[in-house]
Amino acid sequence: MDPLLFLALLFFVAFFCEFIDSSLGMGYGTTLTPLLLIMGYSPLVIVPALLMSEFIIGMFAAFMHHRIGNVKFDFRNDPDHRLVKKMKMLGYMPRSNASKIVLVLAACSLFGAAIAAVVATNLPLFYLKLFIGVIVLSMGLLILLKRNSKHDFSWKRILGLGILASFNKGLSGGGYGPLVTSGQILSGVDSKSSVAITSLAESFTCLVGVCTFLLLGNTIDLKIFLILLAGALTSVPFSTRTVKKLKVKNFTMLIGIATVVLGLFTLFKVIF
């Protein structure tokens, strides 16, 4: 294949995968990784480039979601929060609820990754991936069954969700989006905000992954990284506007269907 044609194909693949990810909160790494493997790239080229591009894209997608009104991020310190009052100059708590969720999910990334490292040395990967596939599928089915119900917000569920999702990310390198997006909806967060929160939280998780790769002496293929970044960034304004225009009820159903599909896909890969 002509090199320019190949790069153009890679650009449009990244555009499509990120459009799905920024619209539904899942699918960029999960879809793009096997496609790049089929195209002949090795995992050591794919993973660092994906993580680095996803770090930047997640930040940009979150900014666009905030700007267009799909979510409200406010990371200014809340002087009225009891933790800030108690700790004074050392205390910090962001003002908006969406920002608080991002903070909790980002903190869980380190804890979940540490648990993943311990568990991975003691349990067969087959059973772990089977477990994750069942959870993702179950969450998608619950969203579809309860999409018309009102869910009370729960910090306990958010905390457990953050640990579980980062555990899965640290163990398998993917599956963060489906768990975090669907889990937030089942924890009482509205579907549009959950997509934006997932984008920002996952970008912090990807930053940890990139730093780990670089510290271990790996490098990032700049050509692949820049093409993926260009294609994905181009799609973000379109995807955030798509989220803005969709009705919440229909959007929640789309997320449920996407989660079920990814859950079935995960189980298929594990079993077959």
C-alpha atoms as a PDB file:
ATOM      1  CA  MET A   1       0.000   0.000   0.000  1.00  0.00           C
ATOM      2  CA  ASP A   2       1.159   3.537  -0.788  1.00  0.00           C
ATOM      3  CA  PRO A   3       2.625   5.144   2.409  1.00  0.00           C
ATOM      4  CA  LEU A   4       0.464   8.272   2.103  1.00  0.00           C
ATOM      5  CA  LEU A   5      -2.664   6.174   1.581  1.00  0.00           C
ATOM      6  CA  PHE A   6      -1.740   4.070   4.602  1.00  0.00           C
ATOM      7  CA  LEU A   7      -1.319   7.165   6.798  1.00  0.00           C
ATOM      8  CA  ALA A   8      -4.646   8.533   5.545  1.00  0.00           C
ATOM      9  CA  LEU A   9      -6.311   5.237   6.446  1.00  0.00           C
ATOM     10  CA  LEU A  10      -4.772   5.381   9.932  1.00  0.00           C
ATOM     11  CA  PHE A  11      -6.020   8.971  10.308  1.00  0.00           C
ATOM     12  CA  PHE A  12      -9.630   8.030   9.482  1.00  0.00           C
ATOM     13  CA  VAL A  13      -9.518   4.920  11.687  1.00  0.00           C
ATOM     14  CA  ALA A  14      -8.416   7.118  14.627  1.00  0.00           C
ATOM     15  CA  PHE A  15     -11.120   9.662  13.728  1.00  0.00           C
ATOM     16  CA  PHE A  16     -13.855   7.010  13.758  1.00  0.00           C
ATOM     17  CA  CYS A  17     -12.700   5.288  16.958  1.00  0.00           C
ATOM     18  CA  GLU A  18     -12.397   8.553  18.877  1.00  0.00           C
ATOM     19  CA  PHE A  19     -15.766   9.764  17.573  1.00  0.00           C
ATOM     20  CA  ILE A  20     -17.334   6.669  19.174  1.00  0.00           C
ATOM     21  CA  ASP A  21     -15.265   7.102  22.341  1.00  0.00           C
ATOM     22  CA  SER A  22     -16.034  10.799  22.870  1.00  0.00           C
ATOM     23  CA  SER A  23     -19.712  10.174  22.060  1.00  0.00           C
ATOM     24  CA  LEU A  24     -20.282   7.067  24.194  1.00  0.00           C
ATOM     25  CA  GLY A  25     -17.378   7.156  26.658  1.00  0.00           C
ATOM     26  CA  MET A  26     -15.802   3.948  25.361  1.00  0.00           C
ATOM     27  CA  GLY A  27     -14.194   2.292  22.369  1.00  0.00           C
ATOM     28  CA  TYR A  28     -10.986   4.166  21.433  1.00  0.00           C
ATOM     29  CA  GLY A  29      -8.373   1.773  22.819  1.00  0.00           C
ATOM     30  CA  THR A  30     -10.665  -1.258  22.745  1.00  0.00           C
ATOM     31  CA  THR A  31     -11.347  -0.824  19.011  1.00  0.00           C
ATOM     32  CA  LEU A  32      -8.089   0.705  17.810  1.00  0.00           C
ATOM     33  CA  THR A  33      -5.683  -1.788  19.432  1.00  0.00           C
ATOM     34  CA  PRO A  34      -6.862  -4.906  17.522  1.00  0.00           C
ATOM     35  CA  LEU A  35      -7.123  -2.873  14.291  1.00  0.00           C
ATOM     36  CA  LEU A  36      -3.516  -1.696  14.620  1.00  0.00           C
ATOM     37  CA  LEU A  37      -2.409  -5.255  15.385  1.00  0.00           C
ATOM     38  CA  ILE A  38      -4.108  -6.413  12.176  1.00  0.00           C
ATOM     39  CA  MET A  39      -2.321  -3.591  10.318  1.00  0.00           C
ATOM     40  CA  GLY A  40       1.005  -5.078  11.429  1.00  0.00           C
ATOM     41  CA  TYR A  41       2.100  -2.933  14.382  1.00  0.00           C
ATOM     42  CA  SER A  42       3.620  -4.535  17.482  1.00  0.00           C
ATOM     43  CA  PRO A  43       2.075  -3.990  20.960  1.00  0.00           C
ATOM     44  CA  LEU A  44       5.174  -2.061  22.118  1.00  0.00           C
ATOM     45  CA  VAL A  45       4.523   0.468  19.333  1.00  0.00           C
ATOM     46  CA  ILE A  46       0.741   0.553  19.769  1.00  0.00           C
ATOM     47  CA  VAL A  47       0.343   0.880  23.536  1.00  0.00           C
ATOM     48  CA  PRO A  48       2.626   3.913  24.226  1.00  0.00           C
ATOM     49  CA  ALA A  49       1.289   5.798  21.177  1.00  0.00           C
ATOM     50  CA  LEU A  50      -2.313   5.040  22.161  1.00  0.00           C
ATOM     51  CA  LEU A  51      -1.810   6.021  25.796  1.00  0.00           C
ATOM     52  CA  MET A  52      -0.061   9.286  24.897  1.00  0.00           C
ATOM     53  CA  SER A  53      -2.689  10.235  22.320  1.00  0.00           C
ATOM     54  CA  GLU A  54      -5.512   9.254  24.681  1.00  0.00           C
ATOM     55  CA  PHE A  55      -4.042  11.425  27.438  1.00  0.00           C
ATOM     56  CA  ILE A  56      -4.163  14.550  25.242  1.00  0.00           C
ATOM     57  CA  ILE A  57      -7.463  13.653  23.562  1.00  0.00           C
ATOM     58  CA  GLY A  58      -9.176  12.974  26.889  1.00  0.00           C
ATOM     59  CA  MET A  59      -8.214  16.444  28.134  1.00  0.00           C
ATOM     60  CA  PHE A  60      -9.457  18.081  24.933  1.00  0.00           C
ATOM     61  CA  ALA A  61     -12.695  16.069  24.857  1.00  0.00           C
ATOM     62  CA  ALA A  62     -13.428  16.975  28.485  1.00  0.00           C
ATOM     63  CA  PHE A  63     -12.785  20.654  27.711  1.00  0.00           C
ATOM     64  CA  MET A  64     -15.144  20.541  24.707  1.00  0.00           C
ATOM     65  CA  HIS A  65     -17.864  18.715  26.677  1.00  0.00           C
ATOM     66  CA  HIS A  66     -17.562  21.402  29.392  1.00  0.00           C
ATOM     67  CA  ARG A  67     -17.562  24.259  26.893  1.00  0.00           C
ATOM     68  CA  ILE A  68     -20.632  22.982  25.034  1.00  0.00           C
ATOM     69  CA  GLY A  69     -22.569  22.340  28.254  1.00  0.00           C
ATOM     70  CA  ASN A  70     -22.639  18.549  28.488  1.00  0.00           C
ATOM     71  CA  VAL A  71     -20.941  18.720  31.901  1.00  0.00           C
ATOM     72  CA  LYS A  72     -19.783  21.309  34.435  1.00  0.00           C
ATOM     73  CA  PHE A  73     -16.165  21.069  35.582  1.00  0.00           C
ATOM     74  CA  ASP A  74     -14.946  23.450  38.278  1.00  0.00           C
ATOM     75  CA  PHE A  75     -11.601  22.552  39.871  1.00  0.00           C
ATOM     76  CA  ARG A  76     -11.344  25.701  41.969  1.00  0.00           C
ATOM     77  CA  ASN A  77     -10.943  24.922  45.671  1.00  0.00           C
ATOM     78  CA  ASP A  78     -14.236  24.910  47.588  1.00  0.00           C
ATOM     79  CA  PRO A  79     -13.631  26.978  50.760  1.00  0.00           C
ATOM     80  CA  ASP A  80     -16.937  25.853  52.282  1.00  0.00           C
ATOM     81  CA  HIS A  81     -16.203  22.118  52.129  1.00  0.00           C
ATOM     82  CA  ARG A  82     -15.655  20.543  55.569  1.00  0.00           C
ATOM     83  CA  LEU A  83     -12.335  18.977  54.497  1.00  0.00           C
ATOM     84  CA  VAL A  84     -10.952  22.338  53.359  1.00  0.00           C
ATOM     85  CA  LYS A  85     -12.122  24.014  56.577  1.00  0.00           C
ATOM     86  CA  LYS A  86     -10.539  21.269  58.673  1.00  0.00           C
ATOM     87  CA  MET A  87      -7.179  21.139  56.853  1.00  0.00           C
ATOM     88  CA  LYS A  88      -7.071  24.861  56.006  1.00  0.00           C
ATOM     89  CA  MET A  89      -4.100  25.600  53.682  1.00  0.00           C
ATOM     90  CA  LEU A  90      -3.519  21.887  53.025  1.00  0.00           C
ATOM     91  CA  GLY A  91      -7.144  21.119  52.189  1.00  0.00           C
ATOM     92  CA  TYR A  92      -8.430  20.804  48.639  1.00  0.00           C
ATOM     93  CA  MET A  93     -11.799  19.854  47.204  1.00  0.00           C
ATOM     94  CA  PRO A  94     -13.068  20.936  43.748  1.00  0.00           C
ATOM     95  CA  ARG A  95     -16.370  22.804  43.615  1.00  0.00           C
ATOM     96  CA  SER A  96     -18.413  20.867  41.060  1.00  0.00           C
ATOM     97  CA  ASN A  97     -19.617  17.310  41.628  1.00  0.00           C
ATOM     98  CA  ALA A  98     -18.242  16.224  38.229  1.00  0.00           C
ATOM     99  CA  SER A  99     -14.774  17.454  39.235  1.00  0.00           C
ATOM    100  CA  LYS A 100     -15.006  15.566  42.533  1.00  0.00           C
ATOM    101  CA  ILE A 101     -15.818  12.341  40.652  1.00  0.00           C
ATOM    102  CA  VAL A 102     -12.814  12.872  38.348  1.00  0.00           C
ATOM    103  CA  LEU A 103     -10.592  13.366  41.416  1.00  0.00           C
ATOM    104  CA  VAL A 104     -11.841  10.135  43.018  1.00  0.00           C
ATOM    105  CA  LEU A 105     -11.481   8.126  39.794  1.00  0.00           C
ATOM    106  CA  ALA A 106      -7.972   9.491  39.175  1.00  0.00           C
ATOM    107  CA  ALA A 107      -6.897   8.626  42.736  1.00  0.00           C
ATOM    108  CA  CYS A 108      -8.311   5.130  42.307  1.00  0.00           C
ATOM    109  CA  SER A 109      -6.122   4.627  39.232  1.00  0.00           C
ATOM    110  CA  LEU A 110      -3.001   4.212  41.342  1.00  0.00           C
ATOM    111  CA  PHE A 111      -4.699   1.937  43.875  1.00  0.00           C
ATOM    112  CA  GLY A 112      -6.413  -0.199  41.238  1.00  0.00           C
ATOM    113  CA  ALA A 113      -3.216  -0.605  39.220  1.00  0.00           C
ATOM    114  CA  ALA A 114      -1.354  -1.769  42.334  1.00  0.00           C
ATOM    115  CA  ILE A 115      -4.041  -4.373  43.073  1.00  0.00           C
ATOM    116  CA  ALA A 116      -3.902  -5.520  39.443  1.00  0.00           C
ATOM    117  CA  ALA A 117      -0.152  -6.122  39.716  1.00  0.00           C
ATOM    118  CA  VAL A 118      -0.630  -8.314  42.803  1.00  0.00           C
ATOM    119  CA  VAL A 119      -3.609 -10.257  41.442  1.00  0.00           C
ATOM    120  CA  ALA A 120      -2.010 -10.812  38.036  1.00  0.00           C
ATOM    121  CA  THR A 121       0.785 -12.804  39.645  1.00  0.00           C
ATOM    122  CA  ASN A 122      -1.611 -15.128  41.471  1.00  0.00           C
ATOM    123  CA  LEU A 123      -4.600 -15.767  39.191  1.00  0.00           C
ATOM    124  CA  PRO A 124      -4.847 -16.997  35.579  1.00  0.00           C
ATOM    125  CA  LEU A 125      -5.535 -14.152  33.121  1.00  0.00           C
ATOM    126  CA  PHE A 126      -8.358 -16.183  31.526  1.00  0.00           C
ATOM    127  CA  TYR A 127     -10.546 -16.021  34.641  1.00  0.00           C
ATOM    128  CA  LEU A 128      -9.783 -12.356  35.242  1.00  0.00           C
ATOM    129  CA  LYS A 129     -10.796 -11.352  31.713  1.00  0.00           C
ATOM    130  CA  LEU A 130     -13.864 -13.589  31.959  1.00  0.00           C
ATOM    131  CA  PHE A 131     -14.826 -11.779  35.162  1.00  0.00           C
ATOM    132  CA  ILE A 132     -14.428  -8.345  33.536  1.00  0.00           C
ATOM    133  CA  GLY A 133     -16.433  -9.411  30.475  1.00  0.00           C
ATOM    134  CA  VAL A 134     -19.307 -10.610  32.657  1.00  0.00           C
ATOM    135  CA  ILE A 135     -19.285  -7.343  34.641  1.00  0.00           C
ATOM    136  CA  VAL A 136     -19.309  -5.131  31.525  1.00  0.00           C
ATOM    137  CA  LEU A 137     -22.126  -7.176  29.982  1.00  0.00           C
ATOM    138  CA  SER A 138     -24.114  -7.072  33.238  1.00  0.00           C
ATOM    139  CA  MET A 139     -23.738  -3.290  33.518  1.00  0.00           C
ATOM    140  CA  GLY A 140     -24.951  -2.813  29.955  1.00  0.00           C
ATOM    141  CA  LEU A 141     -28.004  -4.999  30.582  1.00  0.00           C
ATOM    142  CA  LEU A 142     -28.764  -3.143  33.832  1.00  0.00           C
ATOM    143  CA  ILE A 143     -28.635   0.217  32.025  1.00  0.00           C
ATOM    144  CA  LEU A 144     -31.064  -1.039  29.372  1.00  0.00           C
ATOM    145  CA  LEU A 145     -33.406  -2.541  31.966  1.00  0.00           C
ATOM    146  CA  LYS A 146     -33.318   0.493  34.270  1.00  0.00           C
ATOM    147  CA  ARG A 147     -32.856   3.331  31.773  1.00  0.00           C
ATOM    148  CA  ASN A 148     -36.192   4.853  32.783  1.00  0.00           C
ATOM    149  CA  SER A 149     -35.475   4.563  36.511  1.00  0.00           C
ATOM    150  CA  LYS A 150     -33.948   7.263  38.673  1.00  0.00           C
ATOM    151  CA  HIS A 151     -30.692   6.249  40.352  1.00  0.00           C
ATOM    152  CA  ASP A 152     -29.677   7.836  43.658  1.00  0.00           C
ATOM    153  CA  PHE A 153     -26.112   9.141  43.620  1.00  0.00           C
ATOM    154  CA  SER A 154     -23.659   6.985  45.595  1.00  0.00           C
ATOM    155  CA  TRP A 155     -20.045   7.847  46.408  1.00  0.00           C
ATOM    156  CA  LYS A 156     -19.478   4.256  47.579  1.00  0.00           C
ATOM    157  CA  ARG A 157     -20.398   2.979  44.121  1.00  0.00           C
ATOM    158  CA  ILE A 158     -18.162   5.597  42.465  1.00  0.00           C
ATOM    159  CA  LEU A 159     -15.232   4.545  44.670  1.00  0.00           C
ATOM    160  CA  GLY A 160     -15.715   0.838  43.967  1.00  0.00           C
ATOM    161  CA  LEU A 161     -16.152   1.590  40.281  1.00  0.00           C
ATOM    162  CA  GLY A 162     -12.900   3.566  40.118  1.00  0.00           C
ATOM    163  CA  ILE A 163     -10.896   0.763  41.724  1.00  0.00           C
ATOM    164  CA  LEU A 164     -12.472  -1.923  39.531  1.00  0.00           C
ATOM    165  CA  ALA A 165     -12.002   0.045  36.285  1.00  0.00           C
ATOM    166  CA  SER A 166      -8.387   1.010  36.974  1.00  0.00           C
ATOM    167  CA  PHE A 167      -7.722  -2.587  38.048  1.00  0.00           C
ATOM    168  CA  ASN A 168      -8.997  -3.752  34.655  1.00  0.00           C
ATOM    169  CA  LYS A 169      -6.959  -1.068  32.845  1.00  0.00           C
ATOM    170  CA  GLY A 170      -3.791  -2.003  34.735  1.00  0.00           C
ATOM    171  CA  LEU A 171      -4.345  -5.683  34.063  1.00  0.00           C
ATOM    172  CA  SER A 172      -5.408  -5.754  30.434  1.00  0.00           C
ATOM    173  CA  GLY A 173      -4.674  -2.255  29.061  1.00  0.00           C
ATOM    174  CA  GLY A 174      -8.309  -1.655  28.079  1.00  0.00           C
ATOM    175  CA  GLY A 175     -11.903  -1.779  29.221  1.00  0.00           C
ATOM    176  CA  TYR A 176     -11.754   1.398  31.324  1.00  0.00           C
ATOM    177  CA  GLY A 177     -14.403   3.360  29.413  1.00  0.00           C
ATOM    178  CA  PRO A 178     -17.225   0.782  29.411  1.00  0.00           C
ATOM    179  CA  LEU A 179     -16.918   0.216  33.163  1.00  0.00           C
ATOM    180  CA  VAL A 180     -16.571   3.869  34.182  1.00  0.00           C
ATOM    181  CA  THR A 181     -19.266   5.255  31.872  1.00  0.00           C
ATOM    182  CA  SER A 182     -21.889   2.593  32.588  1.00  0.00           C
ATOM    183  CA  GLY A 183     -20.959   2.423  36.271  1.00  0.00           C
ATOM    184  CA  GLN A 184     -21.456   6.172  36.717  1.00  0.00           C
ATOM    185  CA  ILE A 185     -24.935   5.977  35.202  1.00  0.00           C
ATOM    186  CA  LEU A 186     -25.839   3.168  37.610  1.00  0.00           C
ATOM    187  CA  SER A 187     -24.353   5.294  40.435  1.00  0.00           C
ATOM    188  CA  GLY A 188     -26.696   8.205  39.700  1.00  0.00           C
ATOM    189  CA  VAL A 189     -24.652  10.368  37.285  1.00  0.00           C
ATOM    190  CA  ASP A 190     -26.509  11.536  34.158  1.00  0.00           C
ATOM    191  CA  SER A 191     -25.349   9.880  30.937  1.00  0.00           C
ATOM    192  CA  LYS A 192     -23.948  12.998  29.226  1.00  0.00           C
ATOM    193  CA  SER A 193     -21.856  14.001  32.233  1.00  0.00           C
ATOM    194  CA  SER A 194     -20.607  10.421  32.636  1.00  0.00           C
ATOM    195  CA  VAL A 195     -19.063  10.462  29.137  1.00  0.00           C
ATOM    196  CA  ALA A 196     -17.201  13.723  29.795  1.00  0.00           C
ATOM    197  CA  ILE A 197     -16.035  12.579  33.238  1.00  0.00           C
ATOM    198  CA  THR A 198     -14.756   9.311  31.756  1.00  0.00           C
ATOM    199  CA  SER A 199     -12.730  11.199  29.125  1.00  0.00           C
ATOM    200  CA  LEU A 200     -10.986  13.335  31.746  1.00  0.00           C
ATOM    201  CA  ALA A 201     -10.477  10.562  34.322  1.00  0.00           C
ATOM    202  CA  GLU A 202      -9.085   8.185  31.704  1.00  0.00           C
ATOM    203  CA  SER A 203      -6.616  10.808  30.510  1.00  0.00           C
ATOM    204  CA  PHE A 204      -5.028  10.814  33.994  1.00  0.00           C
ATOM    205  CA  THR A 205      -4.902   7.012  33.929  1.00  0.00           C
ATOM    206  CA  CYS A 206      -3.198   7.133  30.530  1.00  0.00           C
ATOM    207  CA  LEU A 207      -0.653   9.655  31.839  1.00  0.00           C
ATOM    208  CA  VAL A 208       0.354   7.182  34.550  1.00  0.00           C
ATOM    209  CA  GLY A 209       0.705   4.494  31.874  1.00  0.00           C
ATOM    210  CA  VAL A 210       2.821   6.723  29.603  1.00  0.00           C
ATOM    211  CA  CYS A 211       5.155   7.666  32.468  1.00  0.00           C
ATOM    212  CA  THR A 212       5.544   3.990  33.367  1.00  0.00           C
ATOM    213  CA  PHE A 213       6.458   3.075  29.782  1.00  0.00           C
ATOM    214  CA  LEU A 214       9.018   5.889  29.535  1.00  0.00           C
ATOM    215  CA  LEU A 215      10.574   5.059  32.904  1.00  0.00           C
ATOM    216  CA  LEU A 216      11.016   1.473  31.736  1.00  0.00           C
ATOM    217  CA  GLY A 217      13.109   2.727  28.817  1.00  0.00           C
ATOM    218  CA  ASN A 218      10.483   2.497  26.068  1.00  0.00           C
ATOM    219  CA  THR A 219       9.989   5.177  23.417  1.00  0.00           C
ATOM    220  CA  ILE A 220       6.960   6.565  21.582  1.00  0.00           C
ATOM    221  CA  ASP A 221       6.746   6.211  17.801  1.00  0.00           C
ATOM    222  CA  LEU A 222       6.169   9.879  16.923  1.00  0.00           C
ATOM    223  CA  LYS A 223       4.804   9.204  13.431  1.00  0.00           C
ATOM    224  CA  ILE A 224       2.095   6.832  14.684  1.00  0.00           C
ATOM    225  CA  PHE A 225       1.373   9.022  17.690  1.00  0.00           C
ATOM    226  CA  LEU A 226       0.932  12.205  15.626  1.00  0.00           C
ATOM    227  CA  ILE A 227      -1.323  10.542  13.025  1.00  0.00           C
ATOM    228  CA  LEU A 228      -3.524   9.009  15.746  1.00  0.00           C
ATOM    229  CA  LEU A 229      -3.616  12.312  17.609  1.00  0.00           C
ATOM    230  CA  ALA A 230      -4.550  14.320  14.492  1.00  0.00           C
ATOM    231  CA  GLY A 231      -7.345  11.944  13.493  1.00  0.00           C
ATOM    232  CA  ALA A 232      -8.759  11.688  17.006  1.00  0.00           C
ATOM    233  CA  LEU A 233      -8.598  15.425  17.790  1.00  0.00           C
ATOM    234  CA  THR A 234     -10.417  16.225  14.547  1.00  0.00           C
ATOM    235  CA  SER A 235     -13.354  14.048  15.619  1.00  0.00           C
ATOM    236  CA  VAL A 236     -13.853  15.568  19.098  1.00  0.00           C
ATOM    237  CA  PRO A 237     -15.858  18.700  18.097  1.00  0.00           C
ATOM    238  CA  PHE A 238     -18.241  16.500  16.069  1.00  0.00           C
ATOM    239  CA  SER A 239     -18.730  13.936  18.840  1.00  0.00           C
ATOM    240  CA  THR A 240     -19.331  16.503  21.621  1.00  0.00           C
ATOM    241  CA  ARG A 241     -21.981  18.232  19.496  1.00  0.00           C
ATOM    242  CA  THR A 242     -23.596  14.855  18.797  1.00  0.00           C
ATOM    243  CA  VAL A 243     -23.864  14.247  22.557  1.00  0.00           C
ATOM    244  CA  LYS A 244     -25.333  17.733  23.018  1.00  0.00           C
ATOM    245  CA  LYS A 245     -28.110  17.132  20.463  1.00  0.00           C
ATOM    246  CA  LEU A 246     -29.189  13.663  21.633  1.00  0.00           C
ATOM    247  CA  LYS A 247     -32.013  13.304  24.153  1.00  0.00           C
ATOM    248  CA  VAL A 248     -30.813  11.940  27.492  1.00  0.00           C
ATOM    249  CA  LYS A 249     -33.180   8.942  27.374  1.00  0.00           C
ATOM    250  CA  ASN A 250     -32.037   7.909  23.865  1.00  0.00           C
ATOM    251  CA  PHE A 251     -28.403   8.599  24.731  1.00  0.00           C
ATOM    252  CA  THR A 252     -28.574   6.381  27.820  1.00  0.00           C
ATOM    253  CA  MET A 253     -30.003   3.572  25.711  1.00  0.00           C
ATOM    254  CA  LEU A 254     -27.139   3.947  23.196  1.00  0.00           C
ATOM    255  CA  ILE A 255     -24.593   3.654  26.011  1.00  0.00           C
ATOM    256  CA  GLY A 256     -26.368   0.554  27.307  1.00  0.00           C
ATOM    257  CA  ILE A 257     -26.306  -1.089  23.875  1.00  0.00           C
ATOM    258  CA  ALA A 258     -22.615  -0.183  23.346  1.00  0.00           C
ATOM    259  CA  THR A 259     -21.708  -1.594  26.767  1.00  0.00           C
ATOM    260  CA  VAL A 260     -23.533  -4.856  26.046  1.00  0.00           C
ATOM    261  CA  VAL A 261     -21.755  -5.176  22.677  1.00  0.00           C
ATOM    262  CA  LEU A 262     -18.322  -4.575  24.240  1.00  0.00           C
ATOM    263  CA  GLY A 263     -19.123  -7.034  27.037  1.00  0.00           C
ATOM    264  CA  LEU A 264     -20.090  -9.718  24.513  1.00  0.00           C
ATOM    265  CA  PHE A 265     -16.989  -8.913  22.436  1.00  0.00           C
ATOM    266  CA  THR A 266     -14.773  -9.305  25.526  1.00  0.00           C
ATOM    267  CA  LEU A 267     -16.335 -12.655  26.401  1.00  0.00           C
ATOM    268  CA  PHE A 268     -16.015 -13.815  22.791  1.00  0.00           C
ATOM    269  CA  LYS A 269     -12.287 -13.027  22.763  1.00  0.00           C
ATOM    270  CA  VAL A 270     -11.796 -14.831  26.083  1.00  0.00           C
ATOM    271  CA  ILE A 271     -13.770 -17.968  25.226  1.00  0.00           C
ATOM    272  CA  PHE A 272     -12.824 -18.343  21.561  1.00  0.00           C
END
